[in-house]
Amino acid sequence: MPAPRLRTALVAAFLALTTAPLGACGNEPVAEPRTPAVATSAADAGGMGALTAAAKKEGSLNTIALPRDWANYGALIDGFEKKYGIKVNVENPEGTSQDEINALKEHRRDGRAPDVIDVGGSFAQSAARQGLLAPYEVAAFDRIPEEQKDKHARWYNNYGGYISIGCDAKRVKTCPSTFADLRKPEYKGQVSLNGDPTRSGSAFAGVYAAALANGGSFDDIQPGIDFFAELSKNGNFNPVESSPDTIAKGQTPISIDWDFLNLGYADQFREKGADVDWRTAIPFDGSFAEYYANGVNKDAPHPAAARLWQEYLFSPEGQNLRLGAYARPVLMDAMAADGTLDKAAAENLPTVEGTPEFPTEAQREKARETVNRNWPTAVAS
């Protein structure tokens, strides 16, 4: 649906046509393209050609918390720079979703704010409620499933995966495959998360998955917090944030993280000849899938580049690059239907049982509030 100002312009154009003198057809008024900073679609900005030209003129794109080994961001950044000649600046690559939201607010007026964000679902919804994101419909907006986007186009999911358990078989005699396994005394000091769930979307999802495995639900994440409190009390929980570096050093031999990250880490270790045998299991007792959302900063320093970046991420090229790193693109079904999906890459995805269900916005927000309130004391050393 056109934005309010655009609707006003269309009504004005129609009135002008109906009141113009006969023979004035050659002088029919047309809606003027809007500046990228307020454009709600590429068409609204004058078309993809005009948007691309404006983005190239800006010359830069500010991003934050995009590690090159996360969901193929290295290839995506390289591809965008090569295709459009626009430099992608990445601040704080190892930052969290909360760091991204903080940066939107803290650097709103100084030109250093991120133009775009990539955050966990609850963080995207929070940013939208705070009025930090601009409505913008990418060309593929109508093909994104309804439950995977904001109806006002302030955010939309781009890629996702399943919570999994990664394990170094060279350091762990028998790798765990379920959350129940993680209680075993043999895993003392070995079980870690990828971050702090009060700040990290992946760690938050790990707690949600643990809740589902221990009698909780989308409405009740507390059992997940209690599970990690138990692991902390019995010494199995390791508070070190897992990463390829900590894994390679043997600091985090078991890591609860997204399957696309754990699977990607295994490829990295093999390619580098690292002394790591990294294996991935998707726990059947706590099957939890979720997507990461993208959005445009309402006060983006480079508004045209921000919108062009979104178009790239939702193009077949961008979505297939996600798939090449085991991340499930949000347009996967639509691309399979129209023949643009990389079938070979899709066949490399791990098999999962059943159809994933997703918490609602209200359920995620309730869960986030519970984690923020109870996590710090639950795992206090």
Protein backbone atom coordinates (compact mmCIF):
# COMPACT_ATOMS: atom_id res chain seq x y z
CA MET A 1 0.00 0.00 0.00
CA PRO A 2 1.40 3.46 -0.89
CA ALA A 3 2.69 5.57 1.99
CA PRO A 4 0.44 8.49 3.11
CA ARG A 5 2.44 11.23 1.37
CA LEU A 6 2.56 9.18 -1.83
CA ARG A 7 -1.21 8.64 -1.69
CA THR A 8 -1.65 12.42 -1.35
CA ALA A 9 0.51 12.98 -4.43
CA LEU A 10 -1.50 10.43 -6.43
CA VAL A 11 -4.81 12.04 -5.44
CA ALA A 12 -3.47 15.46 -6.44
CA ALA A 13 -2.37 14.10 -9.81
CA PHE A 14 -5.81 12.58 -10.41
CA LEU A 15 -7.61 15.83 -9.57
CA ALA A 16 -5.34 17.77 -11.88
CA LEU A 17 -6.14 15.37 -14.71
CA THR A 18 -9.91 15.57 -14.21
CA THR A 19 -9.91 19.38 -14.16
CA ALA A 20 -7.39 19.97 -16.98
CA PRO A 21 -8.70 21.44 -20.28
CA LEU A 22 -9.17 19.13 -23.25
CA GLY A 23 -6.00 18.62 -25.23
CA ALA A 24 -3.82 18.84 -22.10
CA CYS A 25 -2.96 15.12 -22.07
CA GLY A 26 0.65 15.81 -23.05
CA ASN A 27 1.11 17.88 -19.89
CA GLU A 28 -0.26 15.39 -17.35
CA PRO A 29 1.42 15.89 -13.95
CA VAL A 30 3.36 12.94 -12.49
CA ALA A 31 4.44 12.26 -8.95
CA GLU A 32 7.98 13.42 -8.32
CA PRO A 33 10.46 10.83 -7.00
CA ARG A 34 11.16 11.23 -3.31
CA THR A 35 14.63 11.59 -1.85
CA PRO A 36 16.15 8.29 -0.69
CA ALA A 37 15.97 9.40 2.94
CA VAL A 38 12.16 9.17 2.86
CA ALA A 39 11.60 6.76 -0.04
CA THR A 40 9.52 3.74 0.98
CA SER A 41 10.54 1.65 -2.05
CA ALA A 42 12.90 1.80 -5.02
CA ALA A 43 9.99 2.93 -7.20
CA ASP A 44 9.28 5.72 -4.71
CA ALA A 45 12.90 6.88 -5.17
CA GLY A 46 12.54 7.01 -8.96
CA GLY A 47 13.35 3.38 -9.74
CA MET A 48 16.33 1.09 -9.18
CA GLY A 49 18.45 3.10 -11.59
CA ALA A 50 17.92 6.32 -9.66
CA LEU A 51 18.42 4.59 -6.30
CA THR A 52 21.63 2.96 -7.50
CA ALA A 53 22.97 6.26 -8.85
CA ALA A 54 22.21 8.01 -5.56
CA ALA A 55 23.87 5.22 -3.57
CA LYS A 56 27.00 5.33 -5.75
CA LYS A 57 27.16 9.07 -5.21
CA GLU A 58 27.11 8.52 -1.45
CA GLY A 59 29.92 6.03 -1.92
CA SER A 60 29.78 4.35 1.50
CA LEU A 61 27.62 2.14 3.70
CA ASN A 62 27.95 2.01 7.49
CA THR A 63 27.29 -1.38 9.08
CA ILE A 64 27.93 -2.86 12.51
CA ALA A 65 28.38 -6.33 14.04
CA LEU A 66 28.83 -8.21 10.75
CA PRO A 67 31.59 -10.82 11.13
CA ARG A 68 32.74 -12.13 7.76
CA ASP A 69 32.14 -15.71 8.89
CA TRP A 70 28.53 -15.05 9.96
CA ALA A 71 25.94 -16.22 7.40
CA ASN A 72 28.38 -15.45 4.54
CA TYR A 73 28.70 -11.73 5.25
CA GLY A 74 32.24 -11.79 3.87
CA ALA A 75 30.99 -12.83 0.42
CA LEU A 76 27.98 -10.50 0.64
CA ILE A 77 30.13 -7.47 1.47
CA ASP A 78 32.62 -8.31 -1.27
CA GLY A 79 29.82 -8.87 -3.79
CA PHE A 80 28.09 -5.58 -2.97
CA GLU A 81 31.32 -3.60 -3.17
CA LYS A 82 32.26 -5.18 -6.50
CA LYS A 83 28.79 -4.76 -8.02
CA TYR A 84 28.21 -1.15 -7.01
CA GLY A 85 31.62 0.31 -6.13
CA ILE A 86 30.33 1.28 -2.67
CA LYS A 87 32.64 0.84 0.33
CA VAL A 88 31.13 -1.15 3.20
CA ASN A 89 32.42 -0.05 6.59
CA VAL A 90 31.99 -2.58 9.41
CA GLU A 91 32.17 -1.26 12.97
CA ASN A 92 32.60 -3.65 15.90
CA PRO A 93 32.36 -6.87 13.82
CA GLU A 94 31.91 -9.06 16.89
CA GLY A 95 29.21 -6.84 18.40
CA THR A 96 25.77 -7.98 19.56
CA SER A 97 22.22 -7.13 18.53
CA GLN A 98 21.99 -4.82 21.52
CA ASP A 99 25.19 -3.06 20.44
CA GLU A 100 23.51 -2.36 17.10
CA ILE A 101 20.44 -0.83 18.73
CA ASN A 102 22.65 1.25 21.03
CA ALA A 103 24.64 2.55 18.06
CA LEU A 104 21.46 3.71 16.30
CA LYS A 105 20.68 5.92 19.28
CA GLU A 106 24.14 7.01 20.37
CA HIS A 107 25.36 8.11 16.93
CA ARG A 108 22.09 9.40 15.54
CA ARG A 109 23.41 12.88 14.76
CA ASP A 110 27.15 12.46 14.25
CA GLY A 111 27.25 10.63 10.89
CA ARG A 112 28.76 7.48 12.41
CA ALA A 113 25.51 5.61 12.98
CA PRO A 114 24.96 2.32 11.14
CA ASP A 115 22.87 2.74 8.00
CA VAL A 116 21.39 -0.73 8.43
CA ILE A 117 21.02 -3.36 11.13
CA ASP A 118 20.99 -7.15 11.24
CA VAL A 119 19.56 -8.30 14.58
CA GLY A 120 17.58 -11.02 16.31
CA GLY A 121 13.81 -10.79 15.92
CA SER A 122 13.00 -9.37 19.36
CA PHE A 123 15.67 -6.66 18.92
CA ALA A 124 14.23 -5.64 15.52
CA GLN A 125 10.77 -5.29 17.00
CA SER A 126 12.14 -3.25 19.89
CA ALA A 127 13.95 -0.91 17.48
CA ALA A 128 10.74 -0.44 15.48
CA ARG A 129 8.74 0.40 18.61
CA GLN A 130 11.35 2.99 19.55
CA GLY A 131 10.94 4.70 16.17
CA LEU A 132 14.50 3.95 15.05
CA LEU A 133 13.73 2.26 11.72
CA ALA A 134 12.49 3.61 8.39
CA PRO A 135 9.68 1.91 6.47
CA TYR A 136 11.10 0.52 3.23
CA GLU A 137 9.66 -2.22 1.02
CA VAL A 138 12.30 -4.15 -0.90
CA ALA A 139 11.27 -5.38 -4.35
CA ALA A 140 10.68 -8.87 -2.92
CA PHE A 141 8.60 -7.60 0.01
CA ASP A 142 5.35 -9.26 -1.12
CA ARG A 143 7.15 -12.63 -1.42
CA ILE A 144 8.35 -12.59 2.19
CA PRO A 145 5.97 -14.67 4.33
CA GLU A 146 3.62 -12.51 6.40
CA GLU A 147 4.91 -13.85 9.72
CA GLN A 148 8.47 -12.94 8.73
CA LYS A 149 8.01 -9.20 8.28
CA ASP A 150 6.63 -6.06 9.87
CA LYS A 151 3.42 -4.94 8.19
CA HIS A 152 4.85 -1.40 8.07
CA ALA A 153 8.08 -2.67 6.42
CA ARG A 154 10.32 -1.37 9.19
CA TRP A 155 12.01 -4.78 9.44
CA TYR A 156 11.86 -8.10 7.63
CA ASN A 157 13.61 -11.40 8.21
CA ASN A 158 16.39 -12.27 5.78
CA TYR A 159 17.89 -15.60 6.86
CA GLY A 160 17.72 -18.06 9.71
CA GLY A 161 18.60 -21.42 11.13
CA TYR A 162 18.17 -23.92 13.94
CA ILE A 163 19.81 -23.92 17.33
CA SER A 164 22.44 -26.66 17.36
CA ILE A 165 25.12 -28.15 19.60
CA GLY A 166 28.64 -27.90 18.22
CA CYS A 167 31.34 -30.16 19.65
CA ASP A 168 35.05 -30.77 19.15
CA ALA A 169 35.30 -34.57 18.91
CA LYS A 170 39.04 -34.36 19.47
CA ARG A 171 38.55 -32.90 22.95
CA VAL A 172 35.21 -34.45 23.91
CA LYS A 173 35.06 -38.25 24.07
CA THR A 174 31.33 -38.51 23.30
CA CYS A 175 29.68 -35.44 21.75
CA PRO A 176 26.25 -34.48 23.16
CA SER A 177 23.27 -34.45 20.83
CA THR A 178 20.50 -33.22 23.16
CA PHE A 179 20.01 -30.65 25.90
CA ALA A 180 19.48 -33.54 28.33
CA ASP A 181 22.98 -34.79 27.50
CA LEU A 182 24.50 -31.49 28.62
CA ARG A 183 23.69 -32.31 32.26
CA LYS A 184 26.17 -35.19 32.30
CA PRO A 185 29.16 -34.75 34.64
CA GLU A 186 31.56 -35.56 31.79
CA TYR A 187 30.85 -32.11 30.29
CA LYS A 188 32.06 -30.17 33.32
CA GLY A 189 33.25 -26.69 32.28
CA GLN A 190 32.64 -27.37 28.60
CA VAL A 191 29.16 -26.01 27.70
CA SER A 192 29.10 -22.46 26.32
CA LEU A 193 26.87 -20.00 24.50
CA ASN A 194 27.70 -17.56 21.75
CA GLY A 195 27.37 -14.50 23.98
CA ASP A 196 25.17 -13.13 26.74
CA PRO A 197 21.43 -13.77 26.08
CA THR A 198 20.53 -10.30 27.39
CA ARG A 199 22.52 -8.82 24.48
CA SER A 200 23.02 -11.56 21.89
CA GLY A 201 20.29 -12.93 19.63
CA SER A 202 22.00 -16.31 19.20
CA ALA A 203 22.49 -16.79 22.95
CA PHE A 204 18.89 -15.70 23.59
CA ALA A 205 17.74 -18.35 21.11
CA GLY A 206 19.87 -20.94 22.89
CA VAL A 207 18.03 -20.21 26.14
CA TYR A 208 14.67 -20.38 24.32
CA ALA A 209 15.60 -23.79 22.87
CA ALA A 210 16.63 -25.02 26.32
CA ALA A 211 13.24 -23.90 27.63
CA LEU A 212 11.42 -25.98 24.99
CA ALA A 213 13.57 -28.97 25.96
CA ASN A 214 12.68 -28.62 29.64
CA GLY A 215 8.94 -28.17 29.81
CA GLY A 216 8.82 -24.55 28.76
CA SER A 217 7.08 -22.97 25.78
CA PHE A 218 7.10 -19.87 23.63
CA ASP A 219 5.13 -18.29 26.47
CA ASP A 220 7.50 -19.51 29.18
CA ILE A 221 11.28 -19.17 28.74
CA GLN A 222 12.01 -19.50 32.47
CA PRO A 223 12.77 -23.25 32.28
CA GLY A 224 15.59 -22.38 29.87
CA ILE A 225 17.06 -19.93 32.36
CA ASP A 226 16.68 -22.53 35.10
CA PHE A 227 18.47 -25.09 32.90
CA PHE A 228 21.54 -22.90 32.53
CA ALA A 229 21.38 -22.01 36.23
CA GLU A 230 21.59 -25.75 36.90
CA LEU A 231 24.53 -26.14 34.51
CA SER A 232 26.23 -23.20 36.19
CA LYS A 233 25.68 -24.66 39.65
CA ASN A 234 27.00 -28.10 38.72
CA GLY A 235 29.98 -26.60 36.91
CA ASN A 236 29.08 -27.63 33.36
CA PHE A 237 28.35 -24.10 32.10
CA ASN A 238 31.36 -22.24 30.75
CA PRO A 239 30.83 -18.44 30.72
CA VAL A 240 33.43 -17.88 27.98
CA GLU A 241 31.71 -16.61 24.80
CA SER A 242 32.29 -19.20 22.07
CA SER A 243 33.89 -18.23 18.75
CA PRO A 244 36.14 -19.93 16.18
CA ASP A 245 39.14 -18.60 18.12
CA THR A 246 38.03 -19.99 21.50
CA ILE A 247 37.10 -23.29 19.84
CA ALA A 248 40.51 -23.61 18.17
CA LYS A 249 42.21 -22.92 21.52
CA GLY A 250 40.13 -25.56 23.27
CA GLN A 251 38.41 -23.05 25.55
CA THR A 252 34.86 -23.82 24.39
CA PRO A 253 34.72 -27.45 23.24
CA ILE A 254 30.90 -27.52 23.29
CA SER A 255 28.93 -24.56 21.93
CA ILE A 256 25.19 -23.98 21.67
CA ASP A 257 24.79 -21.85 18.55
CA TRP A 258 23.02 -21.57 15.19
CA ASP A 259 23.50 -24.54 12.87
CA PHE A 260 24.73 -22.30 10.05
CA LEU A 261 27.53 -21.04 12.28
CA ASN A 262 28.56 -24.42 13.66
CA LEU A 263 28.51 -25.98 10.18
CA GLY A 264 30.48 -23.07 8.78
CA TYR A 265 33.07 -23.33 11.55
CA ALA A 266 33.63 -26.99 10.65
CA ASP A 267 34.40 -25.99 7.05
CA GLN A 268 36.79 -23.29 8.24
CA PHE A 269 38.72 -25.65 10.49
CA ARG A 270 39.06 -28.22 7.71
CA GLU A 271 40.26 -25.63 5.21
CA LYS A 272 42.86 -24.30 7.65
CA GLY A 273 43.99 -27.73 8.73
CA ALA A 274 43.20 -26.86 12.36
CA ASP A 275 43.46 -29.54 15.03
CA VAL A 276 39.69 -29.49 15.52
CA ASP A 277 37.05 -32.06 14.58
CA TRP A 278 33.94 -29.85 14.87
CA ARG A 279 30.64 -31.70 14.67
CA THR A 280 27.09 -30.37 14.72
CA ALA A 281 23.88 -31.86 16.12
CA ILE A 282 20.41 -30.31 16.06
CA PRO A 283 18.81 -31.37 19.38
CA PHE A 284 15.42 -33.01 18.92
CA ASP A 285 14.41 -32.20 22.50
CA GLY A 286 14.77 -28.45 22.00
CA SER A 287 14.18 -27.78 18.31
CA PHE A 288 14.12 -24.02 17.87
CA ALA A 289 14.35 -22.10 14.61
CA GLU A 290 14.43 -18.36 14.09
CA TYR A 291 15.38 -15.72 11.56
CA TYR A 292 17.53 -12.62 11.72
CA ALA A 293 15.94 -9.37 10.65
CA ASN A 294 17.22 -6.47 8.58
CA GLY A 295 16.16 -2.85 8.83
CA VAL A 296 17.12 0.65 7.64
CA ASN A 297 18.12 3.32 10.14
CA LYS A 298 15.56 6.14 10.03
CA ASP A 299 18.46 8.61 10.31
CA ALA A 300 20.86 6.71 8.04
CA PRO A 301 23.93 8.77 7.05
CA HIS A 302 23.79 7.03 3.64
CA PRO A 303 20.05 6.51 3.01
CA ALA A 304 20.34 5.46 -0.64
CA ALA A 305 23.13 2.95 0.03
CA ALA A 306 21.14 1.59 2.97
CA ARG A 307 18.14 0.86 0.76
CA LEU A 308 20.29 -0.55 -2.06
CA TRP A 309 21.97 -2.89 0.44
CA GLN A 310 18.56 -4.23 1.43
CA GLU A 311 17.67 -4.82 -2.20
CA TYR A 312 20.93 -6.76 -2.64
CA LEU A 313 20.35 -8.94 0.43
CA PHE A 314 16.87 -9.90 -0.81
CA SER A 315 17.93 -10.49 -4.42
CA PRO A 316 18.46 -14.06 -5.68
CA GLU A 317 22.21 -13.41 -5.61
CA GLY A 318 22.15 -12.30 -1.98
CA GLN A 319 19.78 -15.05 -0.84
CA ASN A 320 21.84 -17.77 -2.53
CA LEU A 321 24.99 -16.45 -0.88
CA ARG A 322 23.25 -16.97 2.45
CA LEU A 323 22.38 -20.51 1.43
CA GLY A 324 26.00 -21.18 0.48
CA ALA A 325 26.90 -20.74 4.16
CA TYR A 326 24.11 -23.06 5.43
CA ALA A 327 21.81 -20.14 6.39
CA ARG A 328 18.23 -20.65 5.27
CA PRO A 329 17.12 -17.67 3.15
CA VAL A 330 13.68 -16.28 3.95
CA LEU A 331 12.78 -16.42 0.23
CA MET A 332 13.84 -20.06 -0.09
CA ASP A 333 10.37 -21.41 -0.95
CA ALA A 334 9.64 -18.57 -3.37
CA MET A 335 12.98 -19.07 -5.11
CA ALA A 336 12.48 -22.83 -5.33
CA ALA A 337 9.17 -22.11 -7.06
CA ASP A 338 10.58 -19.65 -9.59
CA GLY A 339 13.79 -21.60 -10.30
CA THR A 340 16.29 -19.10 -8.86
CA LEU A 341 17.31 -21.23 -5.84
CA ASP A 342 20.79 -22.80 -5.76
CA LYS A 343 19.64 -26.42 -5.53
CA ALA A 344 23.09 -27.84 -4.82
CA ALA A 345 23.56 -25.52 -1.84
CA ALA A 346 20.06 -26.33 -0.59
CA GLU A 347 20.89 -30.05 -0.59
CA ASN A 348 23.78 -29.36 1.81
CA LEU A 349 21.44 -28.18 4.57
CA PRO A 350 21.07 -30.58 7.49
CA THR A 351 17.84 -32.54 7.66
CA VAL A 352 15.40 -31.50 10.36
CA GLU A 353 12.12 -33.04 11.43
CA GLY A 354 8.76 -31.29 11.32
CA THR A 355 7.78 -27.78 10.32
CA PRO A 356 9.30 -25.03 12.48
CA GLU A 357 7.01 -22.81 14.51
CA PHE A 358 7.96 -19.32 15.60
CA PRO A 359 7.15 -17.25 18.69
CA THR A 360 4.95 -14.24 18.14
CA GLU A 361 6.18 -10.69 18.67
CA ALA A 362 4.44 -10.57 22.06
CA GLN A 363 5.93 -13.92 23.12
CA ARG A 364 9.45 -12.87 22.11
CA GLU A 365 9.17 -9.58 23.96
CA LYS A 366 7.88 -11.31 27.09
CA ALA A 367 10.73 -13.83 26.87
CA ARG A 368 13.28 -11.08 26.41
CA GLU A 369 12.01 -9.21 29.45
CA THR A 370 12.23 -12.41 31.50
CA VAL A 371 15.79 -13.10 30.39
CA ASN A 372 16.89 -9.52 31.06
CA ARG A 373 15.39 -9.72 34.55
CA ASN A 374 16.49 -13.20 35.62
CA TRP A 375 19.57 -14.26 33.65
CA PRO A 376 22.26 -12.22 35.46
CA THR A 377 21.52 -13.77 38.87
CA ALA A 378 20.77 -17.24 37.48
CA VAL A 379 24.29 -17.79 36.17
CA ALA A 380 26.21 -15.59 38.61
CA SER A 381 29.49 -17.22 39.53
